C-alpha atoms as a PDB file:
ATOM      1  CA  MET A   1       9.216  -8.883   3.741  1.00  0.00           C
ATOM      2  CA  ASP A   2       6.293  -7.624   5.828  1.00  0.00           C
ATOM      3  CA  TYR A   3       6.202  -4.072   7.127  1.00  0.00           C
ATOM      4  CA  HIS A   4       3.657  -3.119   9.746  1.00  0.00           C
ATOM      5  CA  ILE A   5       3.208  -0.003  11.848  1.00  0.00           C
ATOM      6  CA  THR A   6       1.040  -0.286  14.938  1.00  0.00           C
ATOM      7  CA  TYR A   7      -1.006   2.763  15.816  1.00  0.00           C
ATOM      8  CA  GLN A   8      -1.825   3.424  19.447  1.00  0.00           C
ATOM      9  CA  ALA A   9      -4.361   5.412  21.446  1.00  0.00           C
ATOM     10  CA  PRO A  10      -4.083   9.240  21.456  1.00  0.00           C
ATOM     11  CA  LEU A  11      -0.870  10.489  23.035  1.00  0.00           C
ATOM     12  CA  ALA A  12       0.258  13.565  24.946  1.00  0.00           C
ATOM     13  CA  PRO A  13       1.509  16.454  22.721  1.00  0.00           C
ATOM     14  CA  GLN A  14       5.209  15.638  23.225  1.00  0.00           C
ATOM     15  CA  ASP A  15       4.493  11.977  22.450  1.00  0.00           C
ATOM     16  CA  CYS A  16       2.645  13.011  19.268  1.00  0.00           C
ATOM     17  CA  CYS A  17       5.773  14.797  18.045  1.00  0.00           C
ATOM     18  CA  ASN A  18       7.774  11.640  18.715  1.00  0.00           C
ATOM     19  CA  GLN A  19       5.118   9.551  16.936  1.00  0.00           C
ATOM     20  CA  ASN A  20       5.186  11.894  13.937  1.00  0.00           C
ATOM     21  CA  ALA A  21       8.990  11.731  13.815  1.00  0.00           C
ATOM     22  CA  LEU A  22       8.764   7.943  13.970  1.00  0.00           C
ATOM     23  CA  LEU A  23       6.296   7.945  11.062  1.00  0.00           C
ATOM     24  CA  VAL A  24       8.550  10.186   8.945  1.00  0.00           C
ATOM     25  CA  GLY A  25      11.628   8.150   9.852  1.00  0.00           C
ATOM     26  CA  SER A  26       9.982   4.847   8.992  1.00  0.00           C
ATOM     27  CA  LEU A  27       8.681   6.287   5.723  1.00  0.00           C
ATOM     28  CA  LEU A  28      12.162   7.400   4.705  1.00  0.00           C
ATOM     29  CA  HIS A  29      13.528   3.994   5.677  1.00  0.00           C
ATOM     30  CA  LEU A  30      10.923   2.187   3.552  1.00  0.00           C
ATOM     31  CA  MET A  31      11.506   4.449   0.559  1.00  0.00           C
ATOM     32  CA  SER A  32      15.252   3.883   0.828  1.00  0.00           C
ATOM     33  CA  HIS A  33      14.749   0.112   0.784  1.00  0.00           C
ATOM     34  CA  TYR A  34      12.466   0.403  -2.238  1.00  0.00           C
ATOM     35  CA  SER A  35      14.970   2.484  -4.210  1.00  0.00           C
ATOM     36  CA  ALA A  36      17.974   0.364  -3.145  1.00  0.00           C
ATOM     37  CA  ARG A  37      16.627  -2.762  -4.841  1.00  0.00           C
ATOM     38  CA  SER A  38      18.654  -3.694  -7.901  1.00  0.00           C
ATOM     39  CA  GLN A  39      17.285  -3.088 -11.375  1.00  0.00           C
ATOM     40  CA  GLN A  40      17.078  -6.848 -12.027  1.00  0.00           C
ATOM     41  CA  GLU A  41      14.659  -7.415  -9.148  1.00  0.00           C
ATOM     42  CA  GLU A  42      10.931  -7.073  -9.574  1.00  0.00           C
ATOM     43  CA  PRO A  43       9.427  -4.058  -7.773  1.00  0.00           C
ATOM     44  CA  CYS A  44       8.167  -5.037  -4.332  1.00  0.00           C
ATOM     45  CA  LEU A  45       4.432  -4.425  -4.438  1.00  0.00           C
ATOM     46  CA  LYS A  46       3.989  -4.885  -0.677  1.00  0.00           C
ATOM     47  CA  LEU A  47       6.689  -2.348   0.082  1.00  0.00           C
ATOM     48  CA  ALA A  48       5.161   0.172  -2.338  1.00  0.00           C
ATOM     49  CA  ALA A  49       1.740  -0.342  -0.719  1.00  0.00           C
ATOM     50  CA  VAL A  50       3.181   0.231   2.762  1.00  0.00           C
ATOM     51  CA  ILE A  51       4.892   3.423   1.559  1.00  0.00           C
ATOM     52  CA  GLU A  52       1.570   4.615   0.127  1.00  0.00           C
ATOM     53  CA  ARG A  53      -0.214   3.936   3.453  1.00  0.00           C
ATOM     54  CA  HIS A  54       2.497   5.757   5.420  1.00  0.00           C
ATOM     55  CA  LEU A  55       2.228   8.791   3.145  1.00  0.00           C
ATOM     56  CA  ALA A  56      -1.561   8.786   3.524  1.00  0.00           C
ATOM     57  CA  ALA A  57      -1.252   8.509   7.316  1.00  0.00           C
ATOM     58  CA  LEU A  58       1.282  11.336   7.431  1.00  0.00           C
ATOM     59  CA  SER A  59      -0.995  13.564   5.347  1.00  0.00           C
ATOM     60  CA  ARG A  60      -3.734  13.114   7.975  1.00  0.00           C
ATOM     61  CA  VAL A  61      -1.613  14.099  10.988  1.00  0.00           C
ATOM     62  CA  PRO A  62      -3.357  17.003  12.761  1.00  0.00           C
ATOM     63  CA  GLY A  63      -1.448  20.273  12.639  1.00  0.00           C
ATOM     64  CA  ILE A  64       0.952  19.180   9.907  1.00  0.00           C
ATOM     65  CA  ASP A  65       2.388  21.901   7.698  1.00  0.00           C
ATOM     66  CA  PRO A  66       0.085  22.478   4.692  1.00  0.00           C
ATOM     67  CA  VAL A  67       2.945  22.119   2.187  1.00  0.00           C
ATOM     68  CA  LEU A  68       3.998  18.802   3.743  1.00  0.00           C
ATOM     69  CA  ARG A  69       0.351  17.654   3.805  1.00  0.00           C
ATOM     70  CA  ALA A  70      -0.083  18.456   0.096  1.00  0.00           C
ATOM     71  CA  SER A  71       3.206  16.736  -0.774  1.00  0.00           C
ATOM     72  CA  CYS A  72       2.234  13.612   1.164  1.00  0.00           C
ATOM     73  CA  GLU A  73      -1.214  13.527  -0.451  1.00  0.00           C
ATOM     74  CA  GLN A  74       0.282  13.875  -3.928  1.00  0.00           C
ATOM     75  CA  LEU A  75       2.980  11.276  -3.286  1.00  0.00           C
ATOM     76  CA  SER A  76       0.428   8.922  -1.735  1.00  0.00           C
ATOM     77  CA  GLU A  77      -1.639   9.145  -4.908  1.00  0.00           C
ATOM     78  CA  THR A  78       1.447   8.536  -7.060  1.00  0.00           C
ATOM     79  CA  TRP A  79       2.492   5.469  -5.032  1.00  0.00           C
ATOM     80  CA  GLY A  80      -1.120   4.245  -5.079  1.00  0.00           C
ATOM     81  CA  ASP A  81      -1.145   4.490  -8.875  1.00  0.00           C
ATOM     82  CA  LEU A  82       2.122   2.522  -8.972  1.00  0.00           C
ATOM     83  CA  VAL A  83       0.605  -0.203  -6.800  1.00  0.00           C
ATOM     84  CA  ASP A  84      -2.597  -0.306  -8.847  1.00  0.00           C
ATOM     85  CA  ALA A  85      -0.639  -0.537 -12.112  1.00  0.00           C
ATOM     86  CA  SER A  86       1.391  -3.453 -10.732  1.00  0.00           C
ATOM     87  CA  LEU A  87      -1.603  -5.530  -9.665  1.00  0.00           C
ATOM     88  CA  PRO A  88      -2.382  -8.481 -11.918  1.00  0.00           C
ATOM     89  CA  VAL A  89      -5.311  -7.926 -14.243  1.00  0.00           C
ATOM     90  CA  PRO A  90      -8.105 -10.354 -13.403  1.00  0.00           C
ATOM     91  CA  THR A  91      -9.094 -12.607 -16.253  1.00  0.00           C
ATOM     92  CA  LYS A  92     -12.506 -11.863 -17.619  1.00  0.00           C
ATOM     93  CA  SER A  93     -14.707 -14.865 -18.219  1.00  0.00           C
ATOM     94  CA  THR A  94     -18.255 -15.281 -19.335  1.00  0.00           C
ATOM     95  CA  ILE A  95     -21.024 -16.329 -16.986  1.00  0.00           C
ATOM     96  CA  LEU A  96     -21.336 -19.614 -18.855  1.00  0.00           C
ATOM     97  CA  ALA A  97     -17.610 -20.368 -18.390  1.00  0.00           C
ATOM     98  CA  ARG A  98     -17.809 -19.586 -14.648  1.00  0.00           C
ATOM     99  CA  PHE A  99     -20.937 -21.720 -14.280  1.00  0.00           C
ATOM    100  CA  MET A 100     -19.349 -24.669 -16.089  1.00  0.00           C
ATOM    101  CA  SER A 101     -16.144 -24.328 -14.038  1.00  0.00           C
ATOM    102  CA  LEU A 102     -18.110 -24.258 -10.785  1.00  0.00           C
ATOM    103  CA  ASN A 103     -20.108 -27.336 -11.765  1.00  0.00           C
ATOM    104  CA  GLN A 104     -16.942 -29.195 -12.827  1.00  0.00           C
ATOM    105  CA  LYS A 105     -15.496 -28.530  -9.386  1.00  0.00           C
ATOM    106  CA  ARG A 106     -18.649 -30.070  -7.934  1.00  0.00           C
ATOM    107  CA  GLY A 107     -18.151 -33.136 -10.105  1.00  0.00           C
ATOM    108  CA  LEU A 108     -20.905 -32.478 -12.633  1.00  0.00           C
ATOM    109  CA  ARG A 109     -20.025 -33.373 -16.212  1.00  0.00           C
ATOM    110  CA  TYR A 110     -21.431 -32.123 -19.457  1.00  0.00           C
ATOM    111  CA  PRO A 111     -21.653 -34.295 -22.582  1.00  0.00           C
END
């Protein structure tokens, strides 16, 4: 499932209100989909990342209520931590192991 929001050039004030309402509505929709997933399913990392980006974007809307801004910033950080915790941990290898792997891919063999 891919979720994308396209941002456009600056809008007239009444259009900005509509754009802000669209952002809030889409954020609520995404969060509902995330919470509606069954307990047996793995958490959707892409969906969580999109929710985090929407919260961050909403917190940067000019003229937004300070309480809503603070809530969005805090929730964005929380969702970001969830995404970061769900990312696979890269395997750590030594320089020698990486060098040997690279040379094996090139067809070089070691005795």
